[in-house]
Amino acid sequence: MKIKTGTNINQRSHVLFTCVLFVTAVLVASGPCALAQGSDAKSVLKSMSDYVSSQKTIELTFDSDIEVITPQLEKIQFTNSGEVLLSRPNKLRAHRVGGYADVALFFDGKTVSVYGKHINGYAQFDAPGTVDQLIETLRQGYGVALPGADLLLSNSYDVLVAGVKEAKYIGRGVIDGLECEHLAFRNFDTDWQLWVEAGKRPIPRKMVITSKTLNNAPQYTLRVKGWKTGVKPAQDAFAFAPPAKAEKLSSDALIDLDELPQSEPKGGNQ
């Protein structure tokens, strides 16, 4: 009886491995493409927008990651977690905690209060109107973007598709154990992806925005963890009372209440 040599075993293993790679490549290539031909990314996005805008109250929790590129072309990622309580049309509370900031925003339909616990300081300004108007005021007037704010707008579909040059339905994905529809969109200066929960509740579960105008293409990622609708907020849920010894700041200070450190991270060679 002849004993097979190690060379033959290696050759058979190589052939088997090559076959596995080939089958995997075929499955990956055929699956999403077949789905993309019969699905419309914008229709899924519209369903999500209609569902979210129809909810009078929403309470959610989230995790977010933001990447920055240092002058040395090193990519650094910063992480945050938070929660949002929305009561349409004109009440909002948002809280974000990260390694460099602990910030809460309160909006009662008339006044906006932003409190930085890490500095025990707060800023206030009048902004009578809706939550939609507040989000635009913060972005355009103060350079402050609330995490995933566009997803909560009453007209989120119109805002999200504005400037879209290309839309694709990629296929199915799983986020935190939930099956989701995976969508991809291209704008002039960004690519962005969205995972929408499949089924009767088209909840936005994950969003990734990739910059195409900066070196190394930094990304912003938002993951929606908890999601509740129909909640009944307490009467004082959107009221703000300054803590003892809190310093009142100029509204211009809002731009510094960011999820990024105010200086480049320090470190040394190992």
C-alpha atoms as a PDB file:
ATOM      1  CA  MET A   1       0.000   0.000   0.000  1.00  0.00           C
ATOM      2  CA  LYS A   2       1.362   3.392  -0.984  1.00  0.00           C
ATOM      3  CA  ILE A   3       1.288   6.329   1.372  1.00  0.00           C
ATOM      4  CA  LYS A   4       0.264   9.653  -0.248  1.00  0.00           C
ATOM      5  CA  THR A   5       2.906  12.307   0.018  1.00  0.00           C
ATOM      6  CA  GLY A   6       2.448  15.682   1.661  1.00  0.00           C
ATOM      7  CA  THR A   7       2.849  17.312  -1.743  1.00  0.00           C
ATOM      8  CA  ASN A   8      -0.283  15.576  -3.054  1.00  0.00           C
ATOM      9  CA  ILE A   9      -2.241  16.559   0.035  1.00  0.00           C
ATOM     10  CA  ASN A  10      -1.149  20.174  -0.361  1.00  0.00           C
ATOM     11  CA  GLN A  11      -2.148  20.113  -4.020  1.00  0.00           C
ATOM     12  CA  ARG A  12      -5.594  18.714  -3.208  1.00  0.00           C
ATOM     13  CA  SER A  13      -6.046  21.293  -0.441  1.00  0.00           C
ATOM     14  CA  HIS A  14      -5.079  24.070  -2.833  1.00  0.00           C
ATOM     15  CA  VAL A  15      -7.609  22.848  -5.412  1.00  0.00           C
ATOM     16  CA  LEU A  16     -10.340  22.577  -2.764  1.00  0.00           C
ATOM     17  CA  PHE A  17      -9.550  26.060  -1.415  1.00  0.00           C
ATOM     18  CA  THR A  18      -9.657  27.491  -4.942  1.00  0.00           C
ATOM     19  CA  CYS A  19     -13.061  25.888  -5.530  1.00  0.00           C
ATOM     20  CA  VAL A  20     -14.420  27.318  -2.283  1.00  0.00           C
ATOM     21  CA  LEU A  21     -13.191  30.789  -3.233  1.00  0.00           C
ATOM     22  CA  PHE A  22     -14.782  30.455  -6.663  1.00  0.00           C
ATOM     23  CA  VAL A  23     -18.171  29.355  -5.295  1.00  0.00           C
ATOM     24  CA  THR A  24     -18.111  32.111  -2.673  1.00  0.00           C
ATOM     25  CA  ALA A  25     -17.281  34.728  -5.297  1.00  0.00           C
ATOM     26  CA  VAL A  26     -20.148  33.531  -7.507  1.00  0.00           C
ATOM     27  CA  LEU A  27     -22.624  33.667  -4.618  1.00  0.00           C
ATOM     28  CA  VAL A  28     -21.500  37.130  -3.559  1.00  0.00           C
ATOM     29  CA  ALA A  29     -21.561  38.443  -7.102  1.00  0.00           C
ATOM     30  CA  SER A  30     -24.933  36.981  -8.058  1.00  0.00           C
ATOM     31  CA  GLY A  31     -26.910  37.638  -4.863  1.00  0.00           C
ATOM     32  CA  PRO A  32     -26.918  41.439  -4.480  1.00  0.00           C
ATOM     33  CA  CYS A  33     -26.907  42.067  -8.237  1.00  0.00           C
ATOM     34  CA  ALA A  34     -30.030  39.974  -8.718  1.00  0.00           C
ATOM     35  CA  LEU A  35     -31.755  41.871  -5.929  1.00  0.00           C
ATOM     36  CA  ALA A  36     -30.573  45.222  -7.271  1.00  0.00           C
ATOM     37  CA  GLN A  37     -32.243  44.602 -10.628  1.00  0.00           C
ATOM     38  CA  GLY A  38     -35.691  44.081  -9.096  1.00  0.00           C
ATOM     39  CA  SER A  39     -35.648  46.561  -6.244  1.00  0.00           C
ATOM     40  CA  ASP A  40     -35.752  50.299  -5.910  1.00  0.00           C
ATOM     41  CA  ALA A  41     -33.586  51.897  -3.241  1.00  0.00           C
ATOM     42  CA  LYS A  42     -35.632  55.082  -3.318  1.00  0.00           C
ATOM     43  CA  SER A  43     -38.888  53.219  -2.678  1.00  0.00           C
ATOM     44  CA  VAL A  44     -37.402  51.646   0.455  1.00  0.00           C
ATOM     45  CA  LEU A  45     -36.124  55.059   1.529  1.00  0.00           C
ATOM     46  CA  LYS A  46     -39.587  56.557   0.944  1.00  0.00           C
ATOM     47  CA  SER A  47     -41.218  53.829   3.046  1.00  0.00           C
ATOM     48  CA  MET A  48     -38.784  54.561   5.868  1.00  0.00           C
ATOM     49  CA  SER A  49     -39.427  58.301   5.632  1.00  0.00           C
ATOM     50  CA  ASP A  50     -43.208  57.852   5.640  1.00  0.00           C
ATOM     51  CA  TYR A  51     -43.033  55.534   8.647  1.00  0.00           C
ATOM     52  CA  VAL A  52     -40.736  57.755  10.716  1.00  0.00           C
ATOM     53  CA  SER A  53     -42.599  60.978   9.929  1.00  0.00           C
ATOM     54  CA  SER A  54     -45.920  59.361  10.889  1.00  0.00           C
ATOM     55  CA  GLN A  55     -44.705  58.716  14.448  1.00  0.00           C
ATOM     56  CA  LYS A  56     -45.736  61.520  16.791  1.00  0.00           C
ATOM     57  CA  THR A  57     -43.295  60.484  19.506  1.00  0.00           C
ATOM     58  CA  ILE A  58     -40.016  58.600  19.137  1.00  0.00           C
ATOM     59  CA  GLU A  59     -37.497  57.559  21.768  1.00  0.00           C
ATOM     60  CA  LEU A  60     -34.238  56.060  20.534  1.00  0.00           C
ATOM     61  CA  THR A  61     -30.700  55.264  21.615  1.00  0.00           C
ATOM     62  CA  PHE A  62     -27.678  55.337  19.332  1.00  0.00           C
ATOM     63  CA  ASP A  63     -23.945  54.786  18.961  1.00  0.00           C
ATOM     64  CA  SER A  64     -21.892  56.895  16.574  1.00  0.00           C
ATOM     65  CA  ASP A  65     -18.351  56.885  15.197  1.00  0.00           C
ATOM     66  CA  ILE A  66     -16.601  59.763  13.475  1.00  0.00           C
ATOM     67  CA  GLU A  67     -13.237  59.512  11.741  1.00  0.00           C
ATOM     68  CA  VAL A  68     -10.751  62.342  11.395  1.00  0.00           C
ATOM     69  CA  ILE A  69      -7.524  62.569   9.412  1.00  0.00           C
ATOM     70  CA  THR A  70      -4.522  64.074  11.195  1.00  0.00           C
ATOM     71  CA  PRO A  71      -1.925  66.272   9.446  1.00  0.00           C
ATOM     72  CA  GLN A  72       0.245  63.134   9.368  1.00  0.00           C
ATOM     73  CA  LEU A  73      -2.530  61.360   7.368  1.00  0.00           C
ATOM     74  CA  GLU A  74      -3.365  59.063  10.268  1.00  0.00           C
ATOM     75  CA  LYS A  75      -7.007  58.048  10.557  1.00  0.00           C
ATOM     76  CA  ILE A  76      -8.426  58.315  14.103  1.00  0.00           C
ATOM     77  CA  GLN A  77     -11.936  57.241  15.115  1.00  0.00           C
ATOM     78  CA  PHE A  78     -13.925  58.769  17.984  1.00  0.00           C
ATOM     79  CA  THR A  79     -16.993  57.052  19.449  1.00  0.00           C
ATOM     80  CA  ASN A  80     -20.100  58.349  21.187  1.00  0.00           C
ATOM     81  CA  SER A  81     -23.397  57.069  22.541  1.00  0.00           C
ATOM     82  CA  GLY A  82     -26.620  58.877  23.219  1.00  0.00           C
ATOM     83  CA  GLU A  83     -30.387  59.075  23.225  1.00  0.00           C
ATOM     84  CA  VAL A  84     -33.070  61.170  21.551  1.00  0.00           C
ATOM     85  CA  LEU A  85     -36.657  61.926  22.592  1.00  0.00           C
ATOM     86  CA  LEU A  86     -38.823  63.534  19.906  1.00  0.00           C
ATOM     87  CA  SER A  87     -42.390  64.789  20.249  1.00  0.00           C
ATOM     88  CA  ARG A  88     -43.745  66.257  17.034  1.00  0.00           C
ATOM     89  CA  PRO A  89     -44.076  68.946  15.983  1.00  0.00           C
ATOM     90  CA  ASN A  90     -42.031  71.095  18.336  1.00  0.00           C
ATOM     91  CA  LYS A  91     -40.302  69.286  21.191  1.00  0.00           C
ATOM     92  CA  LEU A  92     -36.927  67.575  21.296  1.00  0.00           C
ATOM     93  CA  ARG A  93     -34.373  66.318  23.788  1.00  0.00           C
ATOM     94  CA  ALA A  94     -31.030  64.837  22.793  1.00  0.00           C
ATOM     95  CA  HIS A  95     -28.089  63.622  24.891  1.00  0.00           C
ATOM     96  CA  ARG A  96     -24.667  62.558  23.630  1.00  0.00           C
ATOM     97  CA  VAL A  97     -21.765  61.178  25.682  1.00  0.00           C
ATOM     98  CA  GLY A  98     -18.252  60.591  24.384  1.00  0.00           C
ATOM     99  CA  GLY A  99     -14.686  60.703  25.541  1.00  0.00           C
ATOM    100  CA  TYR A 100     -14.468  64.471  25.069  1.00  0.00           C
ATOM    101  CA  ALA A 101     -17.986  65.791  25.649  1.00  0.00           C
ATOM    102  CA  ASP A 102     -21.182  65.137  27.590  1.00  0.00           C
ATOM    103  CA  VAL A 103     -23.805  67.336  25.956  1.00  0.00           C
ATOM    104  CA  ALA A 104     -27.590  67.582  26.293  1.00  0.00           C
ATOM    105  CA  LEU A 105     -29.995  69.628  24.173  1.00  0.00           C
ATOM    106  CA  PHE A 106     -33.492  70.684  25.257  1.00  0.00           C
ATOM    107  CA  PHE A 107     -36.122  72.273  23.008  1.00  0.00           C
ATOM    108  CA  ASP A 108     -39.597  73.105  24.329  1.00  0.00           C
ATOM    109  CA  GLY A 109     -40.933  74.713  21.180  1.00  0.00           C
ATOM    110  CA  LYS A 110     -39.703  78.178  22.097  1.00  0.00           C
ATOM    111  CA  THR A 111     -36.233  78.067  23.642  1.00  0.00           C
ATOM    112  CA  VAL A 112     -33.179  75.956  22.866  1.00  0.00           C
ATOM    113  CA  SER A 113     -30.881  75.058  25.766  1.00  0.00           C
ATOM    114  CA  VAL A 114     -27.595  73.221  25.254  1.00  0.00           C
ATOM    115  CA  TYR A 115     -25.756  72.048  28.376  1.00  0.00           C
ATOM    116  CA  GLY A 116     -22.199  70.714  28.496  1.00  0.00           C
ATOM    117  CA  LYS A 117     -21.851  68.658  31.653  1.00  0.00           C
ATOM    118  CA  HIS A 118     -18.099  68.258  31.146  1.00  0.00           C
ATOM    119  CA  ILE A 119     -17.655  72.037  31.432  1.00  0.00           C
ATOM    120  CA  ASN A 120     -20.765  72.777  33.547  1.00  0.00           C
ATOM    121  CA  GLY A 121     -21.757  75.451  31.064  1.00  0.00           C
ATOM    122  CA  TYR A 122     -24.861  76.098  29.000  1.00  0.00           C
ATOM    123  CA  ALA A 123     -26.047  78.275  26.133  1.00  0.00           C
ATOM    124  CA  GLN A 124     -29.584  79.350  25.288  1.00  0.00           C
ATOM    125  CA  PHE A 125     -31.341  81.126  22.447  1.00  0.00           C
ATOM    126  CA  ASP A 126     -34.903  81.651  21.286  1.00  0.00           C
ATOM    127  CA  ALA A 127     -36.058  79.542  18.343  1.00  0.00           C
ATOM    128  CA  PRO A 128     -39.854  79.348  18.242  1.00  0.00           C
ATOM    129  CA  GLY A 129     -40.994  76.852  15.648  1.00  0.00           C
ATOM    130  CA  THR A 130     -40.900  73.169  14.800  1.00  0.00           C
ATOM    131  CA  VAL A 131     -38.205  70.552  15.298  1.00  0.00           C
ATOM    132  CA  ASP A 132     -37.567  70.628  11.541  1.00  0.00           C
ATOM    133  CA  GLN A 133     -36.871  74.356  11.731  1.00  0.00           C
ATOM    134  CA  LEU A 134     -34.651  73.883  14.781  1.00  0.00           C
ATOM    135  CA  ILE A 135     -32.490  71.275  13.035  1.00  0.00           C
ATOM    136  CA  GLU A 136     -31.940  73.641  10.119  1.00  0.00           C
ATOM    137  CA  THR A 137     -31.232  76.604  12.443  1.00  0.00           C
ATOM    138  CA  LEU A 138     -28.599  74.631  14.359  1.00  0.00           C
ATOM    139  CA  ARG A 139     -26.925  73.449  11.172  1.00  0.00           C
ATOM    140  CA  GLN A 140     -26.963  76.685   9.203  1.00  0.00           C
ATOM    141  CA  GLY A 141     -26.721  79.218  12.019  1.00  0.00           C
ATOM    142  CA  TYR A 142     -24.414  77.499  14.513  1.00  0.00           C
ATOM    143  CA  GLY A 143     -22.633  74.735  12.618  1.00  0.00           C
ATOM    144  CA  VAL A 144     -24.137  72.090  14.911  1.00  0.00           C
ATOM    145  CA  ALA A 145     -25.432  68.833  13.400  1.00  0.00           C
ATOM    146  CA  LEU A 146     -27.510  66.499  15.560  1.00  0.00           C
ATOM    147  CA  PRO A 147     -26.671  62.794  15.016  1.00  0.00           C
ATOM    148  CA  GLY A 148     -28.932  61.387  12.290  1.00  0.00           C
ATOM    149  CA  ALA A 149     -31.162  64.463  12.407  1.00  0.00           C
ATOM    150  CA  ASP A 150     -32.102  64.206   8.719  1.00  0.00           C
ATOM    151  CA  LEU A 151     -33.623  60.783   9.384  1.00  0.00           C
ATOM    152  CA  LEU A 152     -36.115  62.306  11.846  1.00  0.00           C
ATOM    153  CA  LEU A 153     -37.326  65.208   9.705  1.00  0.00           C
ATOM    154  CA  SER A 154     -40.979  65.225   8.677  1.00  0.00           C
ATOM    155  CA  ASN A 155     -39.777  65.545   5.062  1.00  0.00           C
ATOM    156  CA  SER A 156     -36.698  63.338   5.399  1.00  0.00           C
ATOM    157  CA  TYR A 157     -37.155  61.719   1.987  1.00  0.00           C
ATOM    158  CA  ASP A 158     -36.987  65.034   0.115  1.00  0.00           C
ATOM    159  CA  VAL A 159     -33.944  66.142   2.112  1.00  0.00           C
ATOM    160  CA  LEU A 160     -32.080  62.844   1.729  1.00  0.00           C
ATOM    161  CA  VAL A 161     -32.593  62.448  -2.027  1.00  0.00           C
ATOM    162  CA  ALA A 162     -31.696  66.056  -2.804  1.00  0.00           C
ATOM    163  CA  GLY A 163     -28.434  65.943  -4.729  1.00  0.00           C
ATOM    164  CA  VAL A 164     -28.435  62.146  -5.134  1.00  0.00           C
ATOM    165  CA  LYS A 165     -26.762  61.167  -8.414  1.00  0.00           C
ATOM    166  CA  GLU A 166     -27.078  57.401  -8.076  1.00  0.00           C
ATOM    167  CA  ALA A 167     -29.114  55.028  -5.895  1.00  0.00           C
ATOM    168  CA  LYS A 168     -28.632  51.281  -5.490  1.00  0.00           C
ATOM    169  CA  TYR A 169     -30.354  48.488  -3.621  1.00  0.00           C
ATOM    170  CA  ILE A 170     -27.449  46.321  -2.439  1.00  0.00           C
ATOM    171  CA  GLY A 171     -29.351  43.493  -0.761  1.00  0.00           C
ATOM    172  CA  ARG A 172     -30.079  42.238   2.740  1.00  0.00           C
ATOM    173  CA  GLY A 173     -27.897  42.707   5.809  1.00  0.00           C
ATOM    174  CA  VAL A 174     -28.213  42.051   9.535  1.00  0.00           C
ATOM    175  CA  ILE A 175     -27.811  44.804  12.135  1.00  0.00           C
ATOM    176  CA  ASP A 176     -27.954  43.757  15.804  1.00  0.00           C
ATOM    177  CA  GLY A 177     -29.788  40.575  14.823  1.00  0.00           C
ATOM    178  CA  LEU A 178     -32.374  42.419  12.688  1.00  0.00           C
ATOM    179  CA  GLU A 179     -32.673  41.783   8.957  1.00  0.00           C
ATOM    180  CA  CYS A 180     -32.322  45.038   7.046  1.00  0.00           C
ATOM    181  CA  GLU A 181     -32.528  46.403   3.509  1.00  0.00           C
ATOM    182  CA  HIS A 182     -29.096  47.718   2.484  1.00  0.00           C
ATOM    183  CA  LEU A 183     -29.197  50.870   0.339  1.00  0.00           C
ATOM    184  CA  ALA A 184     -26.365  52.892  -1.204  1.00  0.00           C
ATOM    185  CA  PHE A 185     -26.479  56.440  -2.559  1.00  0.00           C
ATOM    186  CA  ARG A 186     -23.955  58.715  -4.249  1.00  0.00           C
ATOM    187  CA  ASN A 187     -23.842  62.499  -4.020  1.00  0.00           C
ATOM    188  CA  PHE A 188     -21.277  64.846  -5.514  1.00  0.00           C
ATOM    189  CA  ASP A 189     -19.034  64.983  -2.426  1.00  0.00           C
ATOM    190  CA  THR A 190     -20.254  62.021  -0.338  1.00  0.00           C
ATOM    191  CA  ASP A 191     -21.279  58.390  -0.622  1.00  0.00           C
ATOM    192  CA  TRP A 192     -23.760  57.211   1.985  1.00  0.00           C
ATOM    193  CA  GLN A 193     -25.280  53.903   2.923  1.00  0.00           C
ATOM    194  CA  LEU A 194     -28.425  53.126   4.872  1.00  0.00           C
ATOM    195  CA  TRP A 195     -29.703  49.925   6.461  1.00  0.00           C
ATOM    196  CA  VAL A 196     -33.496  49.938   6.948  1.00  0.00           C
ATOM    197  CA  GLU A 197     -35.209  47.291   9.060  1.00  0.00           C
ATOM    198  CA  ALA A 198     -37.176  44.896   6.843  1.00  0.00           C
ATOM    199  CA  GLY A 199     -40.861  44.302   7.519  1.00  0.00           C
ATOM    200  CA  LYS A 200     -43.683  46.415   8.887  1.00  0.00           C
ATOM    201  CA  ARG A 201     -41.393  48.793  10.804  1.00  0.00           C
ATOM    202  CA  PRO A 202     -38.904  50.318   8.324  1.00  0.00           C
ATOM    203  CA  ILE A 203     -36.680  51.788  11.023  1.00  0.00           C
ATOM    204  CA  PRO A 204     -33.322  53.296  10.005  1.00  0.00           C
ATOM    205  CA  ARG A 205     -30.856  51.035  11.820  1.00  0.00           C
ATOM    206  CA  LYS A 206     -27.490  52.148  10.473  1.00  0.00           C
ATOM    207  CA  MET A 207     -26.117  54.982   8.363  1.00  0.00           C
ATOM    208  CA  VAL A 208     -22.587  55.438   7.008  1.00  0.00           C
ATOM    209  CA  ILE A 209     -21.479  58.661   5.319  1.00  0.00           C
ATOM    210  CA  THR A 210     -18.163  58.638   3.443  1.00  0.00           C
ATOM    211  CA  SER A 211     -16.448  61.854   2.396  1.00  0.00           C
ATOM    212  CA  LYS A 212     -15.036  61.844  -1.132  1.00  0.00           C
ATOM    213  CA  THR A 213     -13.361  65.236  -0.906  1.00  0.00           C
ATOM    214  CA  LEU A 214     -10.903  64.461   1.928  1.00  0.00           C
ATOM    215  CA  ASN A 215      -7.830  62.256   1.804  1.00  0.00           C
ATOM    216  CA  ASN A 216      -8.341  58.725   3.168  1.00  0.00           C
ATOM    217  CA  ALA A 217     -12.148  59.099   2.862  1.00  0.00           C
ATOM    218  CA  PRO A 218     -13.151  59.516   6.539  1.00  0.00           C
ATOM    219  CA  GLN A 219     -16.535  58.135   7.555  1.00  0.00           C
ATOM    220  CA  TYR A 220     -19.322  58.982   9.966  1.00  0.00           C
ATOM    221  CA  THR A 221     -21.331  56.011  11.235  1.00  0.00           C
ATOM    222  CA  LEU A 222     -24.605  56.062  13.155  1.00  0.00           C
ATOM    223  CA  ARG A 223     -26.233  52.924  14.602  1.00  0.00           C
ATOM    224  CA  VAL A 224     -29.747  53.134  16.033  1.00  0.00           C
ATOM    225  CA  LYS A 225     -29.993  50.693  18.931  1.00  0.00           C
ATOM    226  CA  GLY A 226     -33.250  51.130  20.845  1.00  0.00           C
ATOM    227  CA  TRP A 227     -36.422  52.400  19.179  1.00  0.00           C
ATOM    228  CA  LYS A 228     -39.771  53.123  20.838  1.00  0.00           C
ATOM    229  CA  THR A 229     -42.833  54.898  19.465  1.00  0.00           C
ATOM    230  CA  GLY A 230     -46.035  56.042  21.137  1.00  0.00           C
ATOM    231  CA  VAL A 231     -44.217  56.968  24.349  1.00  0.00           C
ATOM    232  CA  LYS A 232     -45.745  59.572  26.662  1.00  0.00           C
ATOM    233  CA  PRO A 233     -43.035  62.024  27.770  1.00  0.00           C
ATOM    234  CA  ALA A 234     -43.246  63.566  31.224  1.00  0.00           C
ATOM    235  CA  GLN A 235     -44.484  67.151  31.361  1.00  0.00           C
ATOM    236  CA  ASP A 236     -41.004  68.444  32.168  1.00  0.00           C
ATOM    237  CA  ALA A 237     -39.157  66.135  29.740  1.00  0.00           C
ATOM    238  CA  PHE A 238     -38.150  69.038  27.497  1.00  0.00           C
ATOM    239  CA  ALA A 239     -37.584  71.687  30.168  1.00  0.00           C
ATOM    240  CA  PHE A 240     -34.094  72.783  31.202  1.00  0.00           C
ATOM    241  CA  ALA A 241     -33.086  74.063  34.620  1.00  0.00           C
ATOM    242  CA  PRO A 242     -29.422  75.130  34.887  1.00  0.00           C
ATOM    243  CA  PRO A 243     -27.498  73.114  37.501  1.00  0.00           C
ATOM    244  CA  ALA A 244     -25.951  74.906  40.446  1.00  0.00           C
ATOM    245  CA  LYS A 245     -22.919  77.029  39.534  1.00  0.00           C
ATOM    246  CA  ALA A 246     -23.377  76.348  35.826  1.00  0.00           C
ATOM    247  CA  GLU A 247     -21.892  79.106  33.683  1.00  0.00           C
ATOM    248  CA  LYS A 248     -24.037  80.731  31.028  1.00  0.00           C
ATOM    249  CA  LEU A 249     -22.161  80.862  27.735  1.00  0.00           C
ATOM    250  CA  SER A 250     -22.599  82.762  24.516  1.00  0.00           C
ATOM    251  CA  SER A 251     -24.548  80.898  21.834  1.00  0.00           C
ATOM    252  CA  ASP A 252     -21.349  81.050  19.757  1.00  0.00           C
ATOM    253  CA  ALA A 253     -19.888  78.487  22.168  1.00  0.00           C
ATOM    254  CA  LEU A 254     -22.198  75.811  20.742  1.00  0.00           C
ATOM    255  CA  ILE A 255     -19.724  74.990  18.013  1.00  0.00           C
ATOM    256  CA  ASP A 256     -17.188  73.903  20.658  1.00  0.00           C
ATOM    257  CA  LEU A 257     -19.603  71.386  22.224  1.00  0.00           C
ATOM    258  CA  ASP A 258     -18.513  68.795  19.696  1.00  0.00           C
ATOM    259  CA  GLU A 259     -17.853  65.049  19.698  1.00  0.00           C
ATOM    260  CA  LEU A 260     -14.206  65.704  18.810  1.00  0.00           C
ATOM    261  CA  PRO A 261     -11.338  66.871  21.029  1.00  0.00           C
ATOM    262  CA  GLN A 262     -10.358  70.514  20.643  1.00  0.00           C
ATOM    263  CA  SER A 263      -6.748  69.577  19.893  1.00  0.00           C
ATOM    264  CA  GLU A 264      -4.923  66.786  18.099  1.00  0.00           C
ATOM    265  CA  PRO A 265      -4.670  63.546  20.151  1.00  0.00           C
ATOM    266  CA  LYS A 266      -1.298  63.218  21.817  1.00  0.00           C
ATOM    267  CA  GLY A 267       0.828  60.101  21.738  1.00  0.00           C
ATOM    268  CA  GLY A 268       4.290  58.753  21.176  1.00  0.00           C
ATOM    269  CA  ASN A 269       6.022  56.024  19.265  1.00  0.00           C
ATOM    270  CA  GLN A 270       5.926  52.621  20.876  1.00  0.00           C
END
